[in-house]
PDB file of N, CA and C in Angstrom:
ATOM      1  N   UNK A   1      -8.222  22.261  -1.934  1.00  0.00           N
ATOM      2  CA  UNK A   1      -8.102  20.833  -2.038  1.00  0.00           C
ATOM      3  C   UNK A   1      -7.738  20.492  -3.475  1.00  0.00           C
ATOM      4  N   UNK A   2      -6.633  19.798  -3.664  1.00  0.00           N
ATOM      5  CA  UNK A   2      -6.219  19.453  -5.012  1.00  0.00           C
ATOM      6  C   UNK A   2      -6.550  17.994  -5.292  1.00  0.00           C
ATOM      7  N   UNK A   3      -6.675  17.685  -6.559  1.00  0.00           N
ATOM      8  CA  UNK A   3      -6.998  16.336  -6.999  1.00  0.00           C
ATOM      9  C   UNK A   3      -5.766  15.762  -7.668  1.00  0.00           C
ATOM     10  N   UNK A   4      -5.501  14.491  -7.355  1.00  0.00           N
ATOM     11  CA  UNK A   4      -4.358  13.814  -7.946  1.00  0.00           C
ATOM     12  C   UNK A   4      -4.561  13.677  -9.451  1.00  0.00           C
ATOM     13  N   UNK A   5      -3.475  13.622 -10.217  1.00  0.00           N
ATOM     14  CA  UNK A   5      -3.617  13.460 -11.667  1.00  0.00           C
ATOM     15  C   UNK A   5      -4.328  12.157 -12.000  1.00  0.00           C
ATOM     16  N   UNK A   6      -4.966  12.145 -13.158  1.00  0.00           N
ATOM     17  CA  UNK A   6      -5.701  10.968 -13.598  1.00  0.00           C
ATOM     18  C   UNK A   6      -4.711   9.854 -13.893  1.00  0.00           C
ATOM     19  N   UNK A   7      -4.993   8.687 -13.327  1.00  0.00           N
ATOM     20  CA  UNK A   7      -4.133   7.530 -13.509  1.00  0.00           C
ATOM     21  C   UNK A   7      -4.882   6.494 -14.337  1.00  0.00           C
ATOM     22  N   UNK A   8      -4.182   5.435 -14.748  1.00  0.00           N
ATOM     23  CA  UNK A   8      -4.879   4.399 -15.511  1.00  0.00           C
ATOM     24  C   UNK A   8      -6.061   3.846 -14.732  1.00  0.00           C
ATOM     25  N   UNK A   9      -7.066   3.397 -15.444  1.00  0.00           N
ATOM     26  CA  UNK A   9      -8.298   2.913 -14.841  1.00  0.00           C
ATOM     27  C   UNK A   9      -8.027   1.759 -13.887  1.00  0.00           C
ATOM     28  N   UNK A  10      -7.138   0.847 -14.236  1.00  0.00           N
ATOM     29  CA  UNK A  10      -6.903  -0.303 -13.372  1.00  0.00           C
ATOM     30  C   UNK A  10      -6.369   0.127 -12.014  1.00  0.00           C
ATOM     31  N   UNK A  11      -5.515   1.148 -11.968  1.00  0.00           N
ATOM     32  CA  UNK A  11      -5.027   1.598 -10.676  1.00  0.00           C
ATOM     33  C   UNK A  11      -6.069   2.434  -9.955  1.00  0.00           C
ATOM     34  N   UNK A  12      -6.968   3.077 -10.707  1.00  0.00           N
ATOM     35  CA  UNK A  12      -8.043   3.825 -10.073  1.00  0.00           C
ATOM     36  C   UNK A  12      -8.978   2.890  -9.336  1.00  0.00           C
ATOM     37  N   UNK A  13      -9.121   1.684  -9.825  1.00  0.00           N
ATOM     38  CA  UNK A  13      -9.965   0.704  -9.157  1.00  0.00           C
ATOM     39  C   UNK A  13      -9.209  -0.082  -8.105  1.00  0.00           C
ATOM     40  N   UNK A  14      -7.904   0.096  -8.040  1.00  0.00           N
ATOM     41  CA  UNK A  14      -7.135  -0.645  -7.062  1.00  0.00           C
ATOM     42  C   UNK A  14      -6.747  -2.031  -7.546  1.00  0.00           C
ATOM     43  N   UNK A  15      -6.955  -2.323  -8.810  1.00  0.00           N
ATOM     44  CA  UNK A  15      -6.663  -3.645  -9.333  1.00  0.00           C
ATOM     45  C   UNK A  15      -5.163  -3.894  -9.356  1.00  0.00           C
ATOM     46  N   UNK A  16      -4.401  -2.905  -9.767  1.00  0.00           N
ATOM     47  CA  UNK A  16      -2.950  -3.064  -9.802  1.00  0.00           C
ATOM     48  C   UNK A  16      -2.315  -1.774  -9.327  1.00  0.00           C
ATOM     49  N   UNK A  17      -2.163  -1.640  -8.056  1.00  0.00           N
ATOM     50  CA  UNK A  17      -1.506  -0.444  -7.559  1.00  0.00           C
ATOM     51  C   UNK A  17      -2.243   0.194  -6.420  1.00  0.00           C
ATOM     52  N   UNK A  18      -2.752   1.394  -6.616  1.00  0.00           N
ATOM     53  CA  UNK A  18      -3.311   2.227  -5.573  1.00  0.00           C
ATOM     54  C   UNK A  18      -4.312   1.492  -4.714  1.00  0.00           C
ATOM     55  N   UNK A  19      -3.924   1.207  -3.481  1.00  0.00           N
ATOM     56  CA  UNK A  19      -4.822   0.575  -2.546  1.00  0.00           C
ATOM     57  C   UNK A  19      -4.846  -0.939  -2.630  1.00  0.00           C
ATOM     58  N   UNK A  20      -4.262  -1.514  -3.648  1.00  0.00           N
ATOM     59  CA  UNK A  20      -4.289  -2.962  -3.788  1.00  0.00           C
ATOM     60  C   UNK A  20      -3.209  -3.583  -2.917  1.00  0.00           C
ATOM     61  N   UNK A  21      -3.500  -4.729  -2.380  1.00  0.00           N
ATOM     62  CA  UNK A  21      -2.535  -5.450  -1.568  1.00  0.00           C
ATOM     63  C   UNK A  21      -1.857  -6.464  -2.466  1.00  0.00           C
ATOM     64  N   UNK A  22      -0.531  -6.357  -2.620  1.00  0.00           N
ATOM     65  CA  UNK A  22       0.154  -7.299  -3.509  1.00  0.00           C
ATOM     66  C   UNK A  22       0.137  -8.701  -2.907  1.00  0.00           C
ATOM     67  N   UNK A  23       0.050  -9.731  -3.755  1.00  0.00           N
ATOM     68  CA  UNK A  23       0.054 -11.090  -3.238  1.00  0.00           C
ATOM     69  C   UNK A  23       1.390 -11.415  -2.590  1.00  0.00           C
ATOM     70  N   UNK A  24       1.344 -12.164  -1.518  1.00  0.00           N
ATOM     71  CA  UNK A  24       2.566 -12.561  -0.821  1.00  0.00           C
ATOM     72  C   UNK A  24       2.671 -14.072  -0.836  1.00  0.00           C
ATOM     73  N   UNK A  25       3.824 -14.573  -0.423  1.00  0.00           N
ATOM     74  CA  UNK A  25       4.050 -16.010  -0.421  1.00  0.00           C
ATOM     75  C   UNK A  25       3.174 -16.696   0.621  1.00  0.00           C
ATOM     76  N   UNK A  26       2.857 -16.001   1.737  1.00  0.00           N
ATOM     77  CA  UNK A  26       2.073 -16.606   2.802  1.00  0.00           C
ATOM     78  C   UNK A  26       0.581 -16.615   2.481  1.00  0.00           C
ATOM     79  N   UNK A  27       0.106 -15.631   1.729  1.00  0.00           N
ATOM     80  CA  UNK A  27      -1.324 -15.484   1.480  1.00  0.00           C
ATOM     81  C   UNK A  27      -1.762 -16.365   0.319  1.00  0.00           C
ATOM     82  N   UNK A  28      -2.874 -17.104   0.510  1.00  0.00           N
ATOM     83  CA  UNK A  28      -3.400 -17.870  -0.613  1.00  0.00           C
ATOM     84  C   UNK A  28      -3.922 -16.941  -1.710  1.00  0.00           C
ATOM     85  N   UNK A  29      -4.039 -17.464  -2.916  1.00  0.00           N
ATOM     86  CA  UNK A  29      -4.448 -16.648  -4.052  1.00  0.00           C
ATOM     87  C   UNK A  29      -5.823 -16.039  -3.849  1.00  0.00           C
ATOM     88  N   UNK A  30      -6.746 -16.748  -3.210  1.00  0.00           N
ATOM     89  CA  UNK A  30      -8.098 -16.238  -2.995  1.00  0.00           C
ATOM     90  C   UNK A  30      -8.120 -15.029  -2.082  1.00  0.00           C
ATOM     91  N   UNK A  31      -7.283 -15.010  -1.067  1.00  0.00           N
ATOM     92  CA  UNK A  31      -7.293 -13.877  -0.138  1.00  0.00           C
ATOM     93  C   UNK A  31      -6.674 -12.634  -0.774  1.00  0.00           C
ATOM     94  N   UNK A  32      -5.702 -12.797  -1.670  1.00  0.00           N
ATOM     95  CA  UNK A  32      -5.128 -11.628  -2.324  1.00  0.00           C
ATOM     96  C   UNK A  32      -6.140 -11.031  -3.314  1.00  0.00           C
ATOM     97  N   UNK A  33      -6.939 -11.889  -3.949  1.00  0.00           N
ATOM     98  CA  UNK A  33      -7.985 -11.390  -4.828  1.00  0.00           C
ATOM     99  C   UNK A  33      -9.028 -10.642  -4.012  1.00  0.00           C
ATOM    100  N   UNK A  34      -9.394 -11.204  -2.867  1.00  0.00           N
ATOM    101  CA  UNK A  34     -10.371 -10.548  -1.993  1.00  0.00           C
ATOM    102  C   UNK A  34      -9.827  -9.215  -1.488  1.00  0.00           C
ATOM    103  N   UNK A  35      -8.547  -9.167  -1.156  1.00  0.00           N
ATOM    104  CA  UNK A  35      -7.948  -7.925  -0.682  1.00  0.00           C
ATOM    105  C   UNK A  35      -7.902  -6.886  -1.803  1.00  0.00           C
ATOM    106  N   UNK A  36      -7.611  -7.325  -3.019  1.00  0.00           N
ATOM    107  CA  UNK A  36      -7.607  -6.404  -4.156  1.00  0.00           C
ATOM    108  C   UNK A  36      -9.001  -5.868  -4.426  1.00  0.00           C
ATOM    109  N   UNK A  37      -9.989  -6.732  -4.322  1.00  0.00           N
ATOM    110  CA  UNK A  37     -11.366  -6.316  -4.532  1.00  0.00           C
ATOM    111  C   UNK A  37     -11.810  -5.341  -3.443  1.00  0.00           C
ATOM    112  N   UNK A  38     -11.444  -5.612  -2.201  1.00  0.00           N
ATOM    113  CA  UNK A  38     -11.785  -4.705  -1.100  1.00  0.00           C
ATOM    114  C   UNK A  38     -11.080  -3.356  -1.282  1.00  0.00           C
ATOM    115  N   UNK A  39      -9.837  -3.377  -1.726  1.00  0.00           N
ATOM    116  CA  UNK A  39      -9.118  -2.136  -1.990  1.00  0.00           C
ATOM    117  C   UNK A  39      -9.770  -1.332  -3.103  1.00  0.00           C
ATOM    118  N   UNK A  40     -10.275  -2.025  -4.123  1.00  0.00           N
ATOM    119  CA  UNK A  40     -10.951  -1.346  -5.226  1.00  0.00           C
ATOM    120  C   UNK A  40     -12.227  -0.664  -4.752  1.00  0.00           C
ATOM    121  N   UNK A  41     -12.989  -1.347  -3.916  1.00  0.00           N
ATOM    122  CA  UNK A  41     -14.226  -0.771  -3.394  1.00  0.00           C
ATOM    123  C   UNK A  41     -13.920   0.417  -2.489  1.00  0.00           C
ATOM    124  N   UNK A  42     -12.897   0.284  -1.656  1.00  0.00           N
ATOM    125  CA  UNK A  42     -12.506   1.398  -0.784  1.00  0.00           C
ATOM    126  C   UNK A  42     -12.081   2.612  -1.606  1.00  0.00           C
ATOM    127  N   UNK A  43     -11.322   2.379  -2.662  1.00  0.00           N
ATOM    128  CA  UNK A  43     -10.875   3.473  -3.521  1.00  0.00           C
ATOM    129  C   UNK A  43     -12.058   4.128  -4.227  1.00  0.00           C
ATOM    130  N   UNK A  44     -13.021   3.325  -4.663  1.00  0.00           N
ATOM    131  CA  UNK A  44     -14.220   3.864  -5.293  1.00  0.00           C
ATOM    132  C   UNK A  44     -14.996   4.739  -4.321  1.00  0.00           C
ATOM    133  N   UNK A  45     -15.122   4.277  -3.078  1.00  0.00           N
ATOM    134  CA  UNK A  45     -15.817   5.073  -2.065  1.00  0.00           C
ATOM    135  C   UNK A  45     -15.084   6.382  -1.791  1.00  0.00           C
ATOM    136  N   UNK A  46     -13.758   6.343  -1.794  1.00  0.00           N
ATOM    137  CA  UNK A  46     -12.974   7.555  -1.572  1.00  0.00           C
ATOM    138  C   UNK A  46     -13.168   8.543  -2.726  1.00  0.00           C
ATOM    139  N   UNK A  47     -13.185   8.046  -3.961  1.00  0.00           N
ATOM    140  CA  UNK A  47     -13.408   8.926  -5.106  1.00  0.00           C
ATOM    141  C   UNK A  47     -14.797   9.570  -5.047  1.00  0.00           C
ATOM    142  N   UNK A  48     -15.800   8.799  -4.671  1.00  0.00           N
ATOM    143  CA  UNK A  48     -17.155   9.341  -4.572  1.00  0.00           C
ATOM    144  C   UNK A  48     -17.265  10.346  -3.436  1.00  0.00           C
ATOM    145  N   UNK A  49     -16.581  10.087  -2.331  1.00  0.00           N
ATOM    146  CA  UNK A  49     -16.597  11.020  -1.204  1.00  0.00           C
ATOM    147  C   UNK A  49     -15.949  12.350  -1.586  1.00  0.00           C
ATOM    148  N   UNK A  50     -14.820  12.278  -2.268  1.00  0.00           N
ATOM    149  CA  UNK A  50     -14.138  13.491  -2.727  1.00  0.00           C
ATOM    150  C   UNK A  50     -15.026  14.269  -3.694  1.00  0.00           C
ATOM    151  N   UNK A  51     -15.682  13.544  -4.589  1.00  0.00           N
ATOM    152  CA  UNK A  51     -16.579  14.179  -5.543  1.00  0.00           C
ATOM    153  C   UNK A  51     -17.727  14.880  -4.821  1.00  0.00           C
ATOM    154  N   UNK A  52     -18.297  14.215  -3.838  1.00  0.00           N
ATOM    155  CA  UNK A  52     -19.406  14.818  -3.083  1.00  0.00           C
ATOM    156  C   UNK A  52     -18.959  16.056  -2.311  1.00  0.00           C
ATOM    157  N   UNK A  53     -17.778  15.996  -1.689  1.00  0.00           N
ATOM    158  CA  UNK A  53     -17.264  17.147  -0.942  1.00  0.00           C
ATOM    159  C   UNK A  53     -17.057  18.347  -1.861  1.00  0.00           C
ATOM    160  N   UNK A  54     -16.475  18.107  -3.023  1.00  0.00           N
ATOM    161  CA  UNK A  54     -16.233  19.197  -3.957  1.00  0.00           C
ATOM    162  C   UNK A  54     -17.545  19.740  -4.531  1.00  0.00           C
ATOM    163  N   UNK A  55     -18.524  18.867  -4.723  1.00  0.00           N
ATOM    164  CA  UNK A  55     -19.823  19.328  -5.215  1.00  0.00           C
ATOM    165  C   UNK A  55     -20.500  20.227  -4.188  1.00  0.00           C
ATOM    166  N   UNK A  56     -20.405  19.875  -2.909  1.00  0.00           N
ATOM    167  CA  UNK A  56     -20.976  20.715  -1.856  1.00  0.00           C
ATOM    168  C   UNK A  56     -20.254  22.059  -1.806  1.00  0.00           C
ATOM    169  N   UNK A  57     -18.940  22.036  -1.930  1.00  0.00           N
ATOM    170  CA  UNK A  57     -18.180  23.280  -1.940  1.00  0.00           C
ATOM    171  C   UNK A  57     -18.571  24.140  -3.138  1.00  0.00           C
ATOM    172  N   UNK A  58     -18.817  23.512  -4.278  1.00  0.00           N
ATOM    173  CA  UNK A  58     -19.199  24.271  -5.471  1.00  0.00           C
ATOM    174  C   UNK A  58     -20.574  24.910  -5.289  1.00  0.00           C
ATOM    175  N   UNK A  59     -21.495  24.187  -4.683  1.00  0.00           N
ATOM    176  CA  UNK A  59     -22.851  24.700  -4.492  1.00  0.00           C
ATOM    177  C   UNK A  59     -22.871  25.831  -3.464  1.00  0.00           C
ATOM    178  N   UNK A  60     -22.062  25.721  -2.424  1.00  0.00           N
ATOM    179  CA  UNK A  60     -22.041  26.746  -1.381  1.00  0.00           C
ATOM    180  C   UNK A  60     -21.178  27.940  -1.748  1.00  0.00           C
ATOM    181  N   UNK A  61     -20.422  27.840  -2.840  1.00  0.00           N
ATOM    182  CA  UNK A  61     -19.595  28.956  -3.274  1.00  0.00           C
ATOM    183  C   UNK A  61     -18.215  28.986  -2.647  1.00  0.00           C
ATOM    184  N   UNK A  62     -17.820  27.912  -1.992  1.00  0.00           N
ATOM    185  CA  UNK A  62     -16.507  27.847  -1.340  1.00  0.00           C
ATOM    186  C   UNK A  62     -15.423  27.248  -2.224  1.00  0.00           C
ATOM    187  N   UNK A  63     -15.752  26.946  -3.461  1.00  0.00           N
ATOM    188  CA  UNK A  63     -14.797  26.314  -4.373  1.00  0.00           C
ATOM    189  C   UNK A  63     -14.288  27.356  -5.358  1.00  0.00           C
ATOM    190  N   UNK A  64     -12.967  27.509  -5.421  1.00  0.00           N
ATOM    191  CA  UNK A  64     -12.368  28.495  -6.316  1.00  0.00           C
ATOM    192  C   UNK A  64     -12.313  28.016  -7.763  1.00  0.00           C
ATOM    193  N   UNK A  65     -12.062  26.726  -7.950  1.00  0.00           N
ATOM    194  CA  UNK A  65     -11.880  26.183  -9.292  1.00  0.00           C
ATOM    195  C   UNK A  65     -12.900  25.074  -9.533  1.00  0.00           C
ATOM    196  N   UNK A  66     -13.911  25.351 -10.332  1.00  0.00           N
ATOM    197  CA  UNK A  66     -14.983  24.389 -10.607  1.00  0.00           C
ATOM    198  C   UNK A  66     -14.470  23.182 -11.384  1.00  0.00           C
ATOM    199  N   UNK A  67     -13.336  23.328 -12.056  1.00  0.00           N
ATOM    200  CA  UNK A  67     -12.781  22.225 -12.829  1.00  0.00           C
ATOM    201  C   UNK A  67     -12.442  21.039 -11.925  1.00  0.00           C
ATOM    202  N   UNK A  68     -11.967  21.322 -10.708  1.00  0.00           N
ATOM    203  CA  UNK A  68     -11.647  20.236  -9.777  1.00  0.00           C
ATOM    204  C   UNK A  68     -12.879  19.402  -9.459  1.00  0.00           C
ATOM    205  N   UNK A  69     -14.006  20.064  -9.239  1.00  0.00           N
ATOM    206  CA  UNK A  69     -15.242  19.340  -8.944  1.00  0.00           C
ATOM    207  C   UNK A  69     -15.693  18.528 -10.150  1.00  0.00           C
ATOM    208  N   UNK A  70     -15.574  19.089 -11.329  1.00  0.00           N
ATOM    209  CA  UNK A  70     -15.983  18.386 -12.545  1.00  0.00           C
ATOM    210  C   UNK A  70     -15.106  17.164 -12.791  1.00  0.00           C
ATOM    211  N   UNK A  71     -13.820  17.317 -12.618  1.00  0.00           N
ATOM    212  CA  UNK A  71     -12.893  16.202 -12.820  1.00  0.00           C
ATOM    213  C   UNK A  71     -13.139  15.112 -11.784  1.00  0.00           C
ATOM    214  N   UNK A  72     -13.334  15.488 -10.533  1.00  0.00           N
ATOM    215  CA  UNK A  72     -13.589  14.496  -9.486  1.00  0.00           C
ATOM    216  C   UNK A  72     -14.885  13.742  -9.750  1.00  0.00           C
ATOM    217  N   UNK A  73     -15.929  14.450 -10.188  1.00  0.00           N
ATOM    218  CA  UNK A  73     -17.200  13.796 -10.480  1.00  0.00           C
ATOM    219  C   UNK A  73     -17.060  12.832 -11.647  1.00  0.00           C
ATOM    220  N   UNK A  74     -16.312  13.224 -12.666  1.00  0.00           N
ATOM    221  CA  UNK A  74     -16.117  12.362 -13.829  1.00  0.00           C
ATOM    222  C   UNK A  74     -15.306  11.127 -13.464  1.00  0.00           C
ATOM    223  N   UNK A  75     -14.265  11.307 -12.663  1.00  0.00           N
ATOM    224  CA  UNK A  75     -13.455  10.157 -12.231  1.00  0.00           C
ATOM    225  C   UNK A  75     -14.296   9.176 -11.440  1.00  0.00           C
ATOM    226  N   UNK A  76     -15.127   9.686 -10.531  1.00  0.00           N
ATOM    227  CA  UNK A  76     -15.976   8.815  -9.723  1.00  0.00           C
ATOM    228  C   UNK A  76     -16.984   8.088 -10.610  1.00  0.00           C
ATOM    229  N   UNK A  77     -17.546   8.791 -11.585  1.00  0.00           N
ATOM    230  CA  UNK A  77     -18.532   8.187 -12.474  1.00  0.00           C
ATOM    231  C   UNK A  77     -17.917   7.078 -13.330  1.00  0.00           C
ATOM    232  N   UNK A  78     -16.772   7.355 -13.934  1.00  0.00           N
ATOM    233  CA  UNK A  78     -16.118   6.369 -14.793  1.00  0.00           C
ATOM    234  C   UNK A  78     -15.681   5.151 -13.976  1.00  0.00           C
ATOM    235  N   UNK A  79     -15.169   5.379 -12.778  1.00  0.00           N
ATOM    236  CA  UNK A  79     -14.743   4.273 -11.927  1.00  0.00           C
ATOM    237  C   UNK A  79     -15.932   3.418 -11.504  1.00  0.00           C
ATOM    238  N   UNK A  80     -17.048   4.058 -11.176  1.00  0.00           N
ATOM    239  CA  UNK A  80     -18.249   3.313 -10.812  1.00  0.00           C
ATOM    240  C   UNK A  80     -18.771   2.497 -11.993  1.00  0.00           C
ATOM    241  N   UNK A  81     -18.761   3.074 -13.180  1.00  0.00           N
ATOM    242  CA  UNK A  81     -19.197   2.341 -14.368  1.00  0.00           C
ATOM    243  C   UNK A  81     -18.294   1.144 -14.637  1.00  0.00           C
ATOM    244  N   UNK A  82     -16.987   1.314 -14.450  1.00  0.00           N
ATOM    245  CA  UNK A  82     -16.061   0.211 -14.654  1.00  0.00           C
ATOM    246  C   UNK A  82     -16.291  -0.881 -13.617  1.00  0.00           C
ATOM    247  N   UNK A  83     -16.501  -0.499 -12.367  1.00  0.00           N
ATOM    248  CA  UNK A  83     -16.767  -1.486 -11.319  1.00  0.00           C
ATOM    249  C   UNK A  83     -18.059  -2.249 -11.606  1.00  0.00           C
ATOM    250  N   UNK A  84     -19.084  -1.557 -12.075  1.00  0.00           N
ATOM    251  CA  UNK A  84     -20.340  -2.223 -12.412  1.00  0.00           C
ATOM    252  C   UNK A  84     -20.154  -3.178 -13.586  1.00  0.00           C
ATOM    253  N   UNK A  85     -19.367  -2.785 -14.570  1.00  0.00           N
ATOM    254  CA  UNK A  85     -19.105  -3.648 -15.720  1.00  0.00           C
ATOM    255  C   UNK A  85     -18.341  -4.896 -15.308  1.00  0.00           C
ATOM    256  N   UNK A  86     -17.353  -4.726 -14.439  1.00  0.00           N
ATOM    257  CA  UNK A  86     -16.582  -5.874 -13.952  1.00  0.00           C
ATOM    258  C   UNK A  86     -17.494  -6.813 -13.159  1.00  0.00           C
ATOM    259  N   UNK A  87     -18.361  -6.248 -12.329  1.00  0.00           N
ATOM    260  CA  UNK A  87     -19.308  -7.065 -11.576  1.00  0.00           C
ATOM    261  C   UNK A  87     -20.215  -7.839 -12.527  1.00  0.00           C
ATOM    262  N   UNK A  88     -20.750  -7.164 -13.544  1.00  0.00           N
ATOM    263  CA  UNK A  88     -21.646  -7.817 -14.496  1.00  0.00           C
ATOM    264  C   UNK A  88     -20.941  -8.951 -15.248  1.00  0.00           C
ATOM    265  N   UNK A  89     -19.696  -8.720 -15.635  1.00  0.00           N
ATOM    266  CA  UNK A  89     -18.939  -9.766 -16.329  1.00  0.00           C
ATOM    267  C   UNK A  89     -18.676 -10.948 -15.398  1.00  0.00           C
ATOM    268  N   UNK A  90     -18.420 -10.673 -14.133  1.00  0.00           N
ATOM    269  CA  UNK A  90     -18.229 -11.743 -13.155  1.00  0.00           C
ATOM    270  C   UNK A  90     -19.485 -12.573 -12.968  1.00  0.00           C
ATOM    271  N   UNK A  91     -20.634 -11.911 -12.887  1.00  0.00           N
ATOM    272  CA  UNK A  91     -21.912 -12.617 -12.764  1.00  0.00           C
ATOM    273  C   UNK A  91     -22.185 -13.429 -14.023  1.00  0.00           C
ATOM    274  N   UNK A  92     -21.916 -12.864 -15.192  1.00  0.00           N
ATOM    275  CA  UNK A  92     -22.096 -13.599 -16.443  1.00  0.00           C
ATOM    276  C   UNK A  92     -21.209 -14.841 -16.489  1.00  0.00           C
ATOM    277  N   UNK A  93     -19.956 -14.696 -16.056  1.00  0.00           N
ATOM    278  CA  UNK A  93     -19.038 -15.835 -16.040  1.00  0.00           C
ATOM    279  C   UNK A  93     -19.526 -16.906 -15.074  1.00  0.00           C
ATOM    280  N   UNK A  94     -20.009 -16.495 -13.906  1.00  0.00           N
ATOM    281  CA  UNK A  94     -20.539 -17.449 -12.928  1.00  0.00           C
ATOM    282  C   UNK A  94     -21.739 -18.194 -13.503  1.00  0.00           C
ATOM    283  N   UNK A  95     -22.653 -17.471 -14.140  1.00  0.00           N
ATOM    284  CA  UNK A  95     -23.835 -18.103 -14.730  1.00  0.00           C
ATOM    285  C   UNK A  95     -23.433 -19.073 -15.841  1.00  0.00           C
ATOM    286  N   UNK A  96     -22.431 -18.713 -16.620  1.00  0.00           N
ATOM    287  CA  UNK A  96     -21.957 -19.603 -17.687  1.00  0.00           C
ATOM    288  C   UNK A  96     -21.356 -20.864 -17.105  1.00  0.00           C
ATOM    289  N   UNK A  97     -20.619 -20.747 -16.024  1.00  0.00           N
ATOM    290  CA  UNK A  97     -20.042 -21.931 -15.360  1.00  0.00           C
ATOM    291  C   UNK A  97     -21.154 -22.822 -14.823  1.00  0.00           C
ATOM    292  N   UNK A  98     -22.196 -22.219 -14.267  1.00  0.00           N
ATOM    293  CA  UNK A  98     -23.302 -22.998 -13.715  1.00  0.00           C
ATOM    294  C   UNK A  98     -24.083 -23.743 -14.815  1.00  0.00           C
ATOM    295  N   UNK A  99     -24.052 -23.234 -16.041  1.00  0.00           N
ATOM    296  CA  UNK A  99     -24.749 -23.891 -17.152  1.00  0.00           C
ATOM    297  C   UNK A  99     -23.958 -25.048 -17.756  1.00  0.00           C
ATOM    298  N   UNK A 100     -22.665 -25.130 -17.417  1.00  0.00           N
ATOM    299  CA  UNK A 100     -21.837 -26.213 -17.982  1.00  0.00           C
ATOM    300  C   UNK A 100     -22.284 -27.557 -17.440  1.00  0.00           C
ATOM    301  N   UNK A 101     -22.193 -28.565 -18.278  1.00  0.00           N
ATOM    302  CA  UNK A 101     -22.528 -29.919 -17.852  1.00  0.00           C
ATOM    303  C   UNK A 101     -21.278 -30.605 -17.349  1.00  0.00           C
ATOM    304  N   UNK A 102     -21.469 -31.450 -16.372  1.00  0.00           N
ATOM    305  CA  UNK A 102     -20.324 -32.158 -15.771  1.00  0.00           C
ATOM    306  C   UNK A 102     -19.846 -33.288 -16.629  1.00  0.00           C
TER     307      UNK A 102
END
C-alpha cells in the first residue's frame, strides 16, 4: 500500500482541492461552505483510517516499509491538529460576534 505524496495542508483538509466541492452558480454560498467542511472531515477520517491500517500492519509484521506508517500517522496527526485549530478559531469568532453590541 503506497501513500500519496504530501500536499499542502489546505488541500489535505479539503479546503481547496482534494475532496472539496467547488462552488457552483446554482448552489448558495452556505451550502458550498458546508460541502467543503464535510469534504474536509471525510478526508480527515480517510487519513486516520489509512494511518490505523498501516499501524496494524506494522504491529503484525505485515508492513515492509515502516516509513509509510510513520508518514501516514504524522499526516493524520497534523491534519487533526489543523482541523481542531480551525474549529477553535471558529468558536472564538462566534463568541466574539455574540459579545458585540447592536
